[in-house]
Protein backbone atom coordinates (compact mmCIF):
# COMPACT_ATOMS: atom_id res chain seq x y z
CA MET A 1 144.66 151.19 67.49
CA PRO A 2 147.43 149.72 69.75
CA PRO A 3 149.13 151.93 72.22
CA THR A 4 152.33 153.58 71.42
CA TYR A 5 155.63 154.18 73.23
CA ALA A 6 156.59 157.64 74.47
CA SER A 7 160.35 157.77 73.63
CA ASN A 8 160.91 160.98 75.59
CA PRO A 9 158.31 161.30 78.35
CA THR A 10 160.42 163.42 80.75
CA PRO A 11 162.64 166.68 80.10
CA TYR A 12 165.51 164.57 81.32
CA GLU A 13 167.59 162.69 78.90
CA ASP A 14 169.20 160.45 81.19
CA VAL A 15 166.00 159.65 82.69
CA ASN A 16 164.44 158.98 79.20
CA THR A 17 167.43 156.68 78.50
CA ILE A 18 166.86 154.43 81.43
CA LEU A 19 163.26 154.46 80.89
CA ARG A 20 163.76 153.26 77.18
CA LEU A 21 165.88 150.31 78.61
CA LEU A 22 163.29 149.40 81.11
CA TYR A 23 160.47 149.55 78.50
CA THR A 24 162.55 147.42 75.90
CA LYS A 25 163.54 144.79 78.61
CA GLN A 26 159.98 144.64 80.07
CA LEU A 27 158.57 144.03 76.53
CA GLU A 28 161.04 141.09 76.01
CA VAL A 29 160.10 139.42 79.36
CA LEU A 30 156.30 140.26 79.41
CA GLY A 31 155.36 140.47 75.74
CA SER A 32 151.52 140.44 75.57
CA GLN A 33 151.34 140.45 79.33
CA LEU A 34 152.61 144.12 79.24
CA VAL A 35 149.49 146.35 79.48
CA GLY A 36 150.92 149.68 80.56
CA LEU A 37 154.02 151.60 81.84
CA TYR A 38 153.37 154.70 83.88
CA LEU A 39 155.56 157.19 85.88
CA TYR A 40 154.25 158.70 88.99
CA GLY A 41 155.79 160.53 92.06
CA SER A 42 157.98 163.41 91.43
CA LEU A 43 158.12 163.03 87.65
CA SER A 44 154.51 163.21 87.16
CA LEU A 45 153.99 166.10 89.84
CA GLY A 46 156.60 168.20 88.42
CA ASP A 47 159.00 168.25 91.34
CA PHE A 48 161.75 165.82 90.16
CA ASP A 49 165.28 166.55 91.54
CA PRO A 50 168.06 165.17 89.52
CA ALA A 51 170.30 164.88 92.56
CA SER A 52 167.96 163.05 94.85
CA SER A 53 164.61 161.80 93.34
CA ASP A 54 163.83 158.19 92.45
CA ILE A 55 162.11 157.30 89.26
CA ASP A 56 158.73 155.89 90.39
CA PHE A 57 157.15 153.59 87.69
CA LEU A 58 154.09 151.30 87.66
CA THR A 59 153.80 148.45 85.34
CA VAL A 60 150.55 147.02 84.54
CA THR A 61 150.04 143.42 83.51
CA ALA A 62 147.37 141.47 81.90
CA GLU A 63 147.35 138.75 84.59
CA GLU A 64 149.09 137.60 87.95
CA LEU A 65 152.59 136.78 86.66
CA SER A 66 154.03 133.31 87.08
CA VAL A 67 157.04 132.34 89.18
CA GLU A 68 159.02 132.06 86.09
CA THR A 69 158.11 135.43 84.66
CA THR A 70 158.78 137.05 88.23
CA ASP A 71 162.18 135.39 88.19
CA ALA A 72 162.94 136.61 84.82
CA LEU A 73 161.77 140.06 85.83
CA ARG A 74 164.39 139.86 88.79
CA ALA A 75 167.19 138.94 86.50
CA MET A 76 166.20 141.88 84.14
CA HIS A 77 166.36 144.36 86.97
CA GLU A 78 169.71 143.04 88.04
CA GLU A 79 170.99 143.46 84.47
CA ILE A 80 169.64 147.06 84.42
CA ALA A 81 171.56 147.80 87.54
CA ARG A 82 174.65 146.52 86.00
CA SER A 83 174.36 148.73 82.95
CA GLY A 84 175.97 151.64 84.61
CA LEU A 85 173.64 154.04 83.24
CA PRO A 86 172.49 157.11 85.16
CA TYR A 87 169.58 156.22 87.54
CA ALA A 88 170.01 152.47 86.89
CA ASP A 89 170.00 152.19 90.64
CA HIS A 90 167.08 154.66 91.18
CA LEU A 91 164.30 152.75 89.65
CA GLU A 92 161.36 152.15 92.20
CA GLY A 93 158.35 150.45 91.00
CA SER A 94 155.58 147.74 91.11
CA TYR A 95 154.15 145.20 88.76
CA ILE A 96 150.60 144.98 89.37
CA PRO A 97 147.83 143.06 87.35
CA CYS A 98 144.74 144.79 85.86
CA ALA A 99 142.32 143.04 88.12
CA ALA A 100 144.15 144.11 91.36
CA LEU A 101 144.78 147.67 89.99
CA ARG A 102 141.29 148.59 89.40
CA ARG A 103 140.61 149.27 93.33
CA TYR A 104 142.98 148.50 96.33
CA ASP A 105 141.99 145.24 98.01
CA PRO A 106 143.98 144.25 100.98
CA ASP A 107 143.50 140.69 100.34
CA HIS A 108 145.08 140.74 96.88
CA SER A 109 147.88 143.17 97.66
CA ARG A 110 151.19 141.07 97.25
CA HIS A 111 152.95 142.18 93.92
CA PRO A 112 156.42 142.06 92.64
CA SER A 113 158.21 145.44 93.20
CA ILE A 114 161.84 146.88 93.42
CA GLY A 115 163.08 149.97 95.12
CA VAL A 116 166.18 151.94 96.10
CA ASP A 117 166.15 150.38 99.61
CA TRP A 118 164.93 146.96 98.69
CA GLU A 119 165.63 144.17 96.15
CA PHE A 120 163.25 142.80 93.61
CA HIS A 121 160.76 140.61 95.56
CA VAL A 122 157.12 139.91 95.90
CA GLY A 123 155.90 141.90 98.81
CA GLU A 124 152.91 143.53 100.61
CA HIS A 125 151.61 146.83 98.87
CA GLY A 126 149.86 148.53 101.91
CA ASN A 127 147.04 151.08 102.22
CA ASN A 128 149.46 153.94 100.94
CA TRP A 129 148.78 152.29 97.57
CA ILE A 130 145.25 153.77 97.55
CA ILE A 131 147.27 157.15 97.59
CA GLU A 132 149.52 155.90 95.03
CA ARG A 133 146.62 154.97 92.71
CA GLN A 134 145.11 158.43 93.12
CA ILE A 135 148.47 159.83 91.85
CA VAL A 136 148.81 157.49 88.90
CA ARG A 137 145.23 158.10 87.93
CA GLU A 138 145.09 161.72 88.10
CA HIS A 139 148.83 162.53 87.20
CA GLY A 140 150.45 159.57 85.68
CA VAL A 141 152.71 159.85 82.85
CA VAL A 142 152.21 157.39 80.09
CA ILE A 143 155.07 155.75 78.84
CA TYR A 144 153.09 152.67 77.11
CA GLY A 145 149.47 151.83 77.33
CA PRO A 146 145.97 153.16 77.61
CA ALA A 147 145.17 156.35 80.01
CA PRO A 148 145.47 155.30 83.42
CA GLN A 149 141.93 156.51 84.16
CA THR A 150 140.67 153.45 82.17
CA LEU A 151 142.49 151.03 84.44
CA ILE A 152 141.93 152.50 87.95
CA ASP A 153 138.52 153.60 89.45
CA PRO A 154 138.27 157.07 90.89
CA VAL A 155 139.72 157.51 94.63
CA SER A 156 137.17 159.59 96.51
CA PRO A 157 138.25 162.30 98.97
CA GLN A 158 136.97 160.13 101.80
CA GLU A 159 138.88 157.15 100.58
CA LEU A 160 142.05 159.31 100.21
CA ARG A 161 141.81 160.62 103.61
CA ALA A 162 141.04 157.35 105.18
CA ALA A 163 144.30 155.80 103.40
CA VAL A 164 146.53 158.60 104.83
CA CYS A 165 145.09 158.09 108.37
CA ARG A 166 145.53 154.29 108.18
CA HIS A 167 149.10 154.82 106.86
CA LEU A 168 149.91 157.29 109.70
CA LYS A 169 148.61 154.99 112.32
CA THR A 170 149.75 151.59 111.04
CA GLN A 171 153.18 152.69 109.93
CA TRP A 172 154.22 156.24 111.54
CA GLN A 173 152.67 156.09 114.72
CA GLN A 174 153.84 152.45 115.31
CA GLN A 175 157.36 153.18 114.32
CA MET A 176 157.68 156.47 116.46
CA LEU A 177 156.28 154.58 119.44
CA ALA A 178 158.69 151.55 118.92
CA GLY A 179 161.74 153.75 119.98
CA ASP A 180 164.32 152.24 117.78
CA LEU A 181 164.54 155.20 115.32
CA GLU A 182 168.27 154.60 114.14
CA TRP A 183 167.03 154.19 110.58
CA LEU A 184 166.11 157.80 110.49
CA ARG A 185 169.75 158.90 111.27
CA PRO A 186 170.76 159.48 107.69
CA ARG A 187 169.93 163.09 106.50
CA ASN A 188 167.74 161.79 103.33
CA TYR A 189 165.66 159.71 105.57
CA GLN A 190 165.01 162.56 108.16
CA ALA A 191 164.00 164.77 104.91
CA PHE A 192 161.74 161.92 103.81
CA ALA A 193 159.98 161.75 107.23
CA ILE A 194 159.53 165.60 107.59
CA LEU A 195 158.20 165.97 104.05
CA THR A 196 155.88 163.06 104.28
CA MET A 197 154.31 164.72 107.29
CA CYS A 198 153.94 167.83 105.44
CA ARG A 199 152.03 165.95 102.56
CA ALA A 200 150.05 164.15 105.11
CA LEU A 201 148.83 167.33 106.59
CA TYR A 202 148.18 168.84 103.28
CA THR A 203 146.12 165.95 102.09
CA LEU A 204 143.97 165.89 105.40
CA GLN A 205 143.35 169.54 104.95
CA HIS A 206 142.77 169.87 101.12
CA ASN A 207 141.36 166.37 100.30
CA THR A 208 143.81 165.96 97.44
CA THR A 209 147.57 165.07 97.00
CA ILE A 210 150.50 167.12 95.85
CA SER A 211 154.20 166.51 95.75
CA LYS A 212 156.18 166.55 98.80
CA PRO A 213 158.16 169.82 97.89
CA GLN A 214 154.75 171.45 96.98
CA ALA A 215 153.59 170.33 100.51
CA ALA A 216 156.61 171.61 102.08
CA VAL A 217 156.12 175.17 100.57
CA TRP A 218 152.54 175.05 101.91
CA ALA A 219 153.45 173.80 105.39
CA GLN A 220 156.00 176.59 105.63
CA GLU A 221 153.30 179.16 105.16
CA ARG A 222 150.67 177.34 107.19
CA TYR A 223 153.22 176.55 110.00
CA PRO A 224 155.83 179.24 110.12
CA GLN A 225 157.06 177.81 113.41
CA TRP A 226 158.28 174.69 111.43
CA ARG A 227 159.98 176.73 108.50
CA PRO A 228 163.82 176.03 109.62
CA VAL A 229 163.22 172.28 109.85
CA ILE A 230 161.18 171.89 106.82
CA GLU A 231 163.83 174.13 104.99
CA ARG A 232 166.55 171.81 106.27
CA ALA A 233 164.71 168.77 105.03
CA LEU A 234 164.43 170.21 101.41
CA VAL A 235 168.24 170.56 101.59
CA TRP A 236 168.98 167.21 102.90
CA ARG A 237 167.08 165.15 100.57
CA SER A 238 170.08 164.03 98.57
CA GLN A 239 172.64 163.99 101.55
CA THR A 240 173.21 160.62 103.28
CA GLU A 241 175.43 161.64 106.03
CA LYS A 242 174.08 160.59 109.55
CA ASP A 243 172.92 163.45 111.67
CA ASP A 244 171.46 164.35 115.07
CA LEU A 245 167.89 163.19 115.30
CA THR A 246 166.53 165.41 118.08
CA GLU A 247 164.65 168.26 115.96
CA THR A 248 163.42 165.71 113.25
CA ILE A 249 161.89 163.50 116.07
CA THR A 250 160.24 166.33 117.78
CA PHE A 251 158.76 167.51 114.53
CA VAL A 252 157.53 164.22 113.54
CA HIS A 253 155.84 163.61 116.91
CA VAL A 254 154.13 167.07 116.79
CA ALA A 255 153.15 166.80 113.20
CA LEU A 256 151.85 163.21 113.45
CA ALA A 257 149.90 164.17 116.52
CA GLN A 258 148.24 167.14 114.45
CA ALA A 259 147.37 164.76 111.51
CA LEU A 260 145.93 162.15 113.63
CA ALA A 261 143.76 164.73 115.29
CA LEU A 262 142.46 165.75 111.88
CA CYS A 263 141.69 162.08 111.14
CA GLY A 264 139.21 161.41 113.82
CA ASP A 265 137.35 158.13 112.83
CA GLU A 266 137.96 158.76 109.09
CA ASP A 267 140.41 155.85 108.81
CA ASN A 268 137.50 153.51 109.43
CA VAL A 269 136.27 154.23 105.86
CA SER A 270 136.15 151.07 103.88
């Protein structure tokens, strides 16, 4: 039996409306290349905030997309952005072929993607996509297509921990050491950094992933000295004003050091 489309995959009608448009337009562009469309992130983990959350989606294609099809998808997303619909500018997703989705391979990790902070383009998908795969596989919401477990191999706790450690070392540690942290000044970016550290610490201590807000609740109990800065981060998720960086930078340095201490040599897992 061919897969069916889930017309109301979330409790939020405005989200369902933009997803219906996304699916319809994708089907027009991709046709039989469209294997599946899935939600992950906050919409799959139960912590979607209508005021601040993005709509994280993964589109699975039968094969690598041609330049012509990729250009058509770019035009499609530009059309959706002009629609004026709620969340039209909050779509964040990737287009990954079945063969590359099965298991993360750094040698085959360039795929089309779009985000709130970047335009549609073909770009590198880093080690954090081991984490994203685990979330899609275990928690993904099916809009169209087979169950994600049929498309993605299981991600072991060791692989998950190693991916977190690599991501911390190759992105966060390097950024914090680089010194130019002006990109962090908007409040929502500071919230992103703080909550990312909370989730990294949770994953390293529990060998699984949860949403960032859930990890924040855990971190407030586990590290009561951090409660004020974490509470602030939860409030700041939807605020774009620039603010002082001092407390955020201090928190990230301390949390990052604790997380890397938990890593040991685990980031060498292949």
